[in-house]
Amino acid sequence: MAKILVCDDSAFMRMMLKKVLVENGHEIVGEAGDGMEAVQLYRRYNPDVATMDITMPKMDGIEAVKHIHEEYPLARIIMVTALGQRAIITDALKAGAVDFIVKPFDPEQVIATINKIVAN
């Protein structure tokens, strides 16, 4: 079981991710609706893994990843991206993200990605 922070400006997407993760034995320690909140909650909970949407208000997901990685170089963050944002994924990986999930996501892919990251 991993402690997971879910970051997405869409309440619906957070709910969908939480449902998949909890049903597969993971614990949701917090939810952020924007990048600034994501950084604050990461500091508070120091989760095993964070999922991070790219497009969010106040601070986008890539900036949030950069801020988190400055303080937590070993942070494991999985980007959640819409189809067609492939070019942005490269920026996210350079910023410190460890993997990515494409939405609309396949629940099995989400769990496989989380489990792979947790196992490493």
N, C-alpha and C. Protein backbone atom coordinates (compact mmCIF):
# COMPACT_ATOMS: atom_id res chain seq x y z
N MET A 1 0.84 -1.19 0.00
CA MET A 1 0.00 0.00 0.00
C MET A 1 0.88 1.25 0.00
N ALA A 2 0.55 2.16 -0.87
CA ALA A 2 1.31 3.41 -0.95
C ALA A 2 0.44 4.56 -0.46
N LYS A 3 1.10 5.57 0.14
CA LYS A 3 0.42 6.81 0.50
C LYS A 3 0.54 7.74 -0.71
N ILE A 4 -0.63 8.18 -1.22
CA ILE A 4 -0.64 8.92 -2.48
C ILE A 4 -1.31 10.28 -2.33
N LEU A 5 -0.69 11.29 -2.93
CA LEU A 5 -1.25 12.63 -3.02
C LEU A 5 -1.76 12.79 -4.45
N VAL A 6 -3.04 13.16 -4.59
CA VAL A 6 -3.67 13.30 -5.90
C VAL A 6 -3.84 14.79 -6.20
N CYS A 7 -3.24 15.26 -7.30
CA CYS A 7 -3.27 16.68 -7.66
C CYS A 7 -3.88 16.87 -9.04
N ASP A 8 -5.05 17.50 -9.08
CA ASP A 8 -5.73 17.76 -10.35
C ASP A 8 -6.75 18.86 -10.09
N ASP A 9 -6.89 19.80 -11.03
CA ASP A 9 -7.86 20.87 -10.81
C ASP A 9 -9.29 20.40 -11.04
N SER A 10 -9.46 19.23 -11.63
CA SER A 10 -10.80 18.68 -11.85
C SER A 10 -11.18 17.76 -10.69
N ALA A 11 -12.22 18.14 -9.96
CA ALA A 11 -12.70 17.31 -8.85
C ALA A 11 -13.11 15.93 -9.35
N PHE A 12 -13.68 15.88 -10.56
CA PHE A 12 -14.09 14.61 -11.15
C PHE A 12 -12.89 13.70 -11.37
N MET A 13 -11.81 14.25 -11.92
CA MET A 13 -10.60 13.44 -12.16
C MET A 13 -9.99 12.96 -10.84
N ARG A 14 -9.99 13.83 -9.84
CA ARG A 14 -9.47 13.40 -8.53
C ARG A 14 -10.30 12.25 -7.98
N MET A 15 -11.62 12.37 -8.11
CA MET A 15 -12.51 11.33 -7.62
C MET A 15 -12.26 10.01 -8.36
N MET A 16 -12.10 10.08 -9.68
CA MET A 16 -11.86 8.87 -10.47
C MET A 16 -10.53 8.20 -10.08
N LEU A 17 -9.49 9.00 -9.95
CA LEU A 17 -8.19 8.46 -9.55
C LEU A 17 -8.26 7.86 -8.14
N LYS A 18 -8.87 8.59 -7.22
CA LYS A 18 -8.99 8.09 -5.83
C LYS A 18 -9.71 6.75 -5.80
N LYS A 19 -10.80 6.65 -6.55
CA LYS A 19 -11.59 5.41 -6.58
C LYS A 19 -10.71 4.24 -7.02
N VAL A 20 -9.99 4.39 -8.12
CA VAL A 20 -9.13 3.33 -8.65
C VAL A 20 -8.04 2.97 -7.63
N LEU A 21 -7.42 3.98 -7.05
CA LEU A 21 -6.31 3.74 -6.13
C LEU A 21 -6.76 3.07 -4.84
N VAL A 22 -7.85 3.58 -4.25
CA VAL A 22 -8.35 3.01 -3.00
C VAL A 22 -8.84 1.57 -3.21
N GLU A 23 -9.52 1.33 -4.33
CA GLU A 23 -10.00 -0.03 -4.62
C GLU A 23 -8.84 -1.02 -4.77
N ASN A 24 -7.66 -0.50 -5.05
CA ASN A 24 -6.49 -1.36 -5.20
C ASN A 24 -5.54 -1.28 -4.01
N GLY A 25 -6.08 -0.86 -2.87
CA GLY A 25 -5.34 -0.95 -1.62
C GLY A 25 -4.44 0.21 -1.25
N HIS A 26 -4.51 1.32 -2.00
CA HIS A 26 -3.66 2.46 -1.67
C HIS A 26 -4.41 3.46 -0.80
N GLU A 27 -3.66 4.29 -0.11
CA GLU A 27 -4.24 5.29 0.78
C GLU A 27 -4.05 6.68 0.17
N ILE A 28 -5.13 7.45 0.10
CA ILE A 28 -5.04 8.82 -0.39
C ILE A 28 -4.80 9.72 0.83
N VAL A 29 -3.63 10.36 0.88
CA VAL A 29 -3.31 11.20 2.03
C VAL A 29 -3.75 12.64 1.85
N GLY A 30 -3.99 13.05 0.60
CA GLY A 30 -4.42 14.41 0.35
C GLY A 30 -4.78 14.62 -1.10
N GLU A 31 -5.47 15.75 -1.34
CA GLU A 31 -5.88 16.13 -2.70
C GLU A 31 -5.60 17.61 -2.89
N ALA A 32 -5.02 17.93 -4.02
CA ALA A 32 -4.75 19.33 -4.34
C ALA A 32 -5.47 19.70 -5.63
N GLY A 33 -6.01 20.93 -5.66
CA GLY A 33 -6.73 21.42 -6.82
C GLY A 33 -5.93 22.38 -7.67
N ASP A 34 -4.72 22.74 -7.20
CA ASP A 34 -3.83 23.60 -7.98
C ASP A 34 -2.39 23.31 -7.60
N GLY A 35 -1.47 23.83 -8.38
CA GLY A 35 -0.05 23.53 -8.18
C GLY A 35 0.52 24.01 -6.86
N MET A 36 0.09 25.21 -6.42
CA MET A 36 0.61 25.73 -5.15
C MET A 36 0.16 24.84 -3.98
N GLU A 37 -1.10 24.42 -4.02
CA GLU A 37 -1.61 23.54 -2.99
C GLU A 37 -0.89 22.19 -3.03
N ALA A 38 -0.57 21.72 -4.24
CA ALA A 38 0.15 20.45 -4.39
C ALA A 38 1.50 20.50 -3.66
N VAL A 39 2.23 21.61 -3.83
CA VAL A 39 3.53 21.76 -3.17
C VAL A 39 3.35 21.78 -1.64
N GLN A 40 2.36 22.54 -1.16
CA GLN A 40 2.10 22.62 0.29
C GLN A 40 1.73 21.26 0.87
N LEU A 41 0.84 20.54 0.17
CA LEU A 41 0.41 19.23 0.68
C LEU A 41 1.52 18.20 0.58
N TYR A 42 2.38 18.32 -0.42
CA TYR A 42 3.52 17.40 -0.50
C TYR A 42 4.40 17.58 0.74
N ARG A 43 4.65 18.84 1.10
CA ARG A 43 5.46 19.12 2.31
C ARG A 43 4.80 18.53 3.55
N ARG A 44 3.48 18.68 3.64
CA ARG A 44 2.76 18.23 4.83
C ARG A 44 2.74 16.72 4.95
N TYR A 45 2.48 16.02 3.84
CA TYR A 45 2.27 14.57 3.90
C TYR A 45 3.45 13.71 3.47
N ASN A 46 4.40 14.28 2.73
CA ASN A 46 5.53 13.52 2.20
C ASN A 46 5.08 12.14 1.71
N PRO A 47 4.20 12.13 0.70
CA PRO A 47 3.63 10.85 0.23
C PRO A 47 4.65 9.97 -0.46
N ASP A 48 4.31 8.69 -0.61
CA ASP A 48 5.16 7.76 -1.36
C ASP A 48 5.17 8.13 -2.84
N VAL A 49 3.99 8.56 -3.32
CA VAL A 49 3.82 8.90 -4.73
C VAL A 49 2.82 10.05 -4.82
N ALA A 50 3.00 10.92 -5.81
CA ALA A 50 2.01 11.95 -6.10
C ALA A 50 1.63 11.84 -7.57
N THR A 51 0.33 12.03 -7.86
CA THR A 51 -0.09 12.15 -9.25
C THR A 51 -0.29 13.64 -9.49
N MET A 52 0.17 14.14 -10.62
CA MET A 52 0.17 15.58 -10.87
C MET A 52 -0.37 15.90 -12.26
N ASP A 53 -1.51 16.60 -12.29
CA ASP A 53 -2.05 17.08 -13.56
C ASP A 53 -1.09 18.16 -14.08
N ILE A 54 -1.01 18.32 -15.38
CA ILE A 54 -0.12 19.34 -15.94
C ILE A 54 -0.79 20.71 -15.93
N THR A 55 -2.02 20.78 -16.42
CA THR A 55 -2.69 22.06 -16.54
C THR A 55 -3.53 22.34 -15.30
N MET A 56 -3.04 23.25 -14.45
CA MET A 56 -3.75 23.62 -13.22
C MET A 56 -3.59 25.12 -12.99
N PRO A 57 -4.53 25.71 -12.24
CA PRO A 57 -4.41 27.14 -11.92
C PRO A 57 -3.33 27.43 -10.88
N LYS A 58 -3.01 28.70 -10.73
CA LYS A 58 -2.02 29.24 -9.77
C LYS A 58 -0.58 28.83 -10.08
N MET A 59 -0.37 27.53 -10.33
CA MET A 59 0.95 27.02 -10.71
C MET A 59 0.70 25.73 -11.47
N ASP A 60 1.29 25.59 -12.67
CA ASP A 60 1.03 24.36 -13.41
C ASP A 60 1.80 23.18 -12.81
N GLY A 61 1.45 21.99 -13.26
CA GLY A 61 2.04 20.78 -12.69
C GLY A 61 3.54 20.68 -12.84
N ILE A 62 4.07 21.18 -13.96
CA ILE A 62 5.52 21.10 -14.18
C ILE A 62 6.26 22.00 -13.20
N GLU A 63 5.74 23.21 -12.99
CA GLU A 63 6.35 24.10 -11.98
C GLU A 63 6.27 23.48 -10.59
N ALA A 64 5.13 22.88 -10.28
CA ALA A 64 4.96 22.23 -8.97
C ALA A 64 5.98 21.11 -8.80
N VAL A 65 6.19 20.32 -9.85
CA VAL A 65 7.20 19.24 -9.79
C VAL A 65 8.58 19.83 -9.52
N LYS A 66 8.93 20.92 -10.21
CA LYS A 66 10.24 21.56 -9.99
C LYS A 66 10.40 21.98 -8.53
N HIS A 67 9.36 22.63 -7.98
CA HIS A 67 9.42 23.08 -6.58
C HIS A 67 9.57 21.90 -5.62
N ILE A 68 8.79 20.86 -5.85
CA ILE A 68 8.85 19.68 -4.96
C ILE A 68 10.22 19.03 -5.07
N HIS A 69 10.76 18.90 -6.28
CA HIS A 69 12.06 18.24 -6.46
C HIS A 69 13.22 19.03 -5.87
N GLU A 70 13.08 20.35 -5.78
CA GLU A 70 14.13 21.14 -5.13
C GLU A 70 14.25 20.75 -3.66
N GLU A 71 13.13 20.51 -3.02
CA GLU A 71 13.14 20.15 -1.59
C GLU A 71 13.25 18.65 -1.36
N TYR A 72 12.68 17.85 -2.26
CA TYR A 72 12.63 16.40 -2.12
C TYR A 72 13.17 15.75 -3.40
N PRO A 73 14.49 15.66 -3.52
CA PRO A 73 15.08 15.13 -4.77
C PRO A 73 14.62 13.72 -5.12
N LEU A 74 14.17 12.94 -4.15
CA LEU A 74 13.74 11.57 -4.41
C LEU A 74 12.23 11.45 -4.59
N ALA A 75 11.53 12.57 -4.67
CA ALA A 75 10.07 12.55 -4.84
C ALA A 75 9.70 11.76 -6.07
N ARG A 76 8.66 10.94 -5.92
CA ARG A 76 8.17 10.13 -7.04
C ARG A 76 6.83 10.73 -7.48
N ILE A 77 6.85 11.40 -8.62
CA ILE A 77 5.67 12.09 -9.12
C ILE A 77 5.32 11.56 -10.51
N ILE A 78 4.06 11.20 -10.66
CA ILE A 78 3.56 10.69 -11.93
C ILE A 78 2.67 11.77 -12.54
N MET A 79 3.00 12.20 -13.74
CA MET A 79 2.20 13.22 -14.42
C MET A 79 0.94 12.60 -15.01
N VAL A 80 -0.14 13.35 -14.93
CA VAL A 80 -1.40 12.93 -15.54
C VAL A 80 -1.66 13.93 -16.66
N THR A 81 -1.70 13.43 -17.88
CA THR A 81 -1.78 14.30 -19.03
C THR A 81 -2.87 13.89 -20.00
N ALA A 82 -3.48 14.87 -20.63
CA ALA A 82 -4.48 14.59 -21.66
C ALA A 82 -3.77 14.14 -22.94
N LEU A 83 -4.47 13.39 -23.75
CA LEU A 83 -3.92 12.99 -25.05
C LEU A 83 -3.50 14.23 -25.81
N GLY A 84 -2.42 14.15 -26.55
CA GLY A 84 -1.99 15.29 -27.34
C GLY A 84 -1.02 16.21 -26.62
N GLN A 85 -0.67 15.90 -25.38
CA GLN A 85 0.28 16.73 -24.63
C GLN A 85 1.64 16.06 -24.54
N ARG A 86 1.92 15.18 -25.47
CA ARG A 86 3.16 14.39 -25.42
C ARG A 86 4.43 15.25 -25.31
N ALA A 87 4.47 16.36 -26.02
CA ALA A 87 5.67 17.21 -25.98
C ALA A 87 5.91 17.73 -24.56
N ILE A 88 4.84 18.00 -23.86
CA ILE A 88 4.95 18.53 -22.49
C ILE A 88 5.51 17.47 -21.54
N ILE A 89 5.26 16.20 -21.86
CA ILE A 89 5.76 15.10 -21.02
C ILE A 89 7.27 15.17 -20.89
N THR A 90 7.96 15.48 -21.97
CA THR A 90 9.42 15.59 -21.94
C THR A 90 9.83 16.65 -20.92
N ASP A 91 9.15 17.80 -20.92
CA ASP A 91 9.44 18.85 -19.94
C ASP A 91 9.20 18.35 -18.52
N ALA A 92 8.12 17.61 -18.34
CA ALA A 92 7.77 17.10 -17.01
C ALA A 92 8.83 16.11 -16.52
N LEU A 93 9.29 15.24 -17.40
CA LEU A 93 10.31 14.27 -17.02
C LEU A 93 11.63 14.97 -16.69
N LYS A 94 11.96 16.02 -17.46
CA LYS A 94 13.17 16.80 -17.17
C LYS A 94 13.04 17.50 -15.81
N ALA A 95 11.82 17.90 -15.47
CA ALA A 95 11.59 18.60 -14.20
C ALA A 95 11.67 17.66 -13.00
N GLY A 96 11.58 16.35 -13.26
CA GLY A 96 11.72 15.39 -12.17
C GLY A 96 10.61 14.36 -12.07
N ALA A 97 9.61 14.42 -12.92
CA ALA A 97 8.56 13.41 -12.89
C ALA A 97 9.18 12.05 -13.25
N VAL A 98 8.62 10.98 -12.68
CA VAL A 98 9.19 9.65 -12.93
C VAL A 98 8.43 8.86 -13.99
N ASP A 99 7.19 9.26 -14.27
CA ASP A 99 6.39 8.54 -15.25
C ASP A 99 5.17 9.38 -15.57
N PHE A 100 4.30 8.85 -16.42
CA PHE A 100 3.08 9.58 -16.74
C PHE A 100 1.94 8.63 -17.05
N ILE A 101 0.73 9.14 -16.86
CA ILE A 101 -0.52 8.44 -17.16
C ILE A 101 -1.27 9.35 -18.12
N VAL A 102 -1.85 8.76 -19.17
CA VAL A 102 -2.62 9.54 -20.13
C VAL A 102 -4.11 9.43 -19.79
N LYS A 103 -4.79 10.59 -19.75
CA LYS A 103 -6.23 10.54 -19.53
C LYS A 103 -6.96 10.83 -20.83
N PRO A 104 -8.13 10.25 -21.07
CA PRO A 104 -8.85 9.41 -20.10
C PRO A 104 -8.04 8.14 -19.81
N PHE A 105 -7.87 7.82 -18.54
CA PHE A 105 -6.97 6.73 -18.19
C PHE A 105 -7.67 5.40 -18.06
N ASP A 106 -6.86 4.37 -18.26
CA ASP A 106 -7.28 2.99 -18.09
C ASP A 106 -6.89 2.62 -16.65
N PRO A 107 -7.87 2.23 -15.82
CA PRO A 107 -7.56 1.90 -14.41
C PRO A 107 -6.41 0.92 -14.25
N GLU A 108 -6.33 -0.08 -15.13
CA GLU A 108 -5.24 -1.06 -15.02
C GLU A 108 -3.88 -0.41 -15.28
N GLN A 109 -3.84 0.55 -16.21
CA GLN A 109 -2.59 1.25 -16.49
C GLN A 109 -2.18 2.10 -15.29
N VAL A 110 -3.16 2.74 -14.65
CA VAL A 110 -2.88 3.57 -13.47
C VAL A 110 -2.24 2.71 -12.38
N ILE A 111 -2.86 1.58 -12.08
CA ILE A 111 -2.35 0.71 -11.01
C ILE A 111 -0.99 0.13 -11.38
N ALA A 112 -0.82 -0.29 -12.63
CA ALA A 112 0.48 -0.83 -13.06
C ALA A 112 1.58 0.22 -12.89
N THR A 113 1.28 1.46 -13.27
CA THR A 113 2.27 2.55 -13.16
C THR A 113 2.60 2.83 -11.70
N ILE A 114 1.57 2.96 -10.86
CA ILE A 114 1.78 3.22 -9.42
C ILE A 114 2.59 2.08 -8.80
N ASN A 115 2.20 0.84 -9.07
CA ASN A 115 2.89 -0.30 -8.47
C ASN A 115 4.36 -0.38 -8.92
N LYS A 116 4.61 -0.05 -10.18
CA LYS A 116 5.98 -0.06 -10.69
C LYS A 116 6.84 0.98 -9.96
N ILE A 117 6.27 2.17 -9.76
CA ILE A 117 7.00 3.26 -9.10
C ILE A 117 7.25 2.92 -7.62
N VAL A 118 6.23 2.37 -6.96
CA VAL A 118 6.35 2.02 -5.54
C VAL A 118 7.39 0.92 -5.34
N ALA A 119 7.45 -0.02 -6.28
CA ALA A 119 8.38 -1.16 -6.17
C ALA A 119 9.84 -0.74 -6.33
N ASN A 120 10.09 0.37 -7.04
CA ASN A 120 11.48 0.80 -7.30
C ASN A 120 12.07 1.56 -6.14
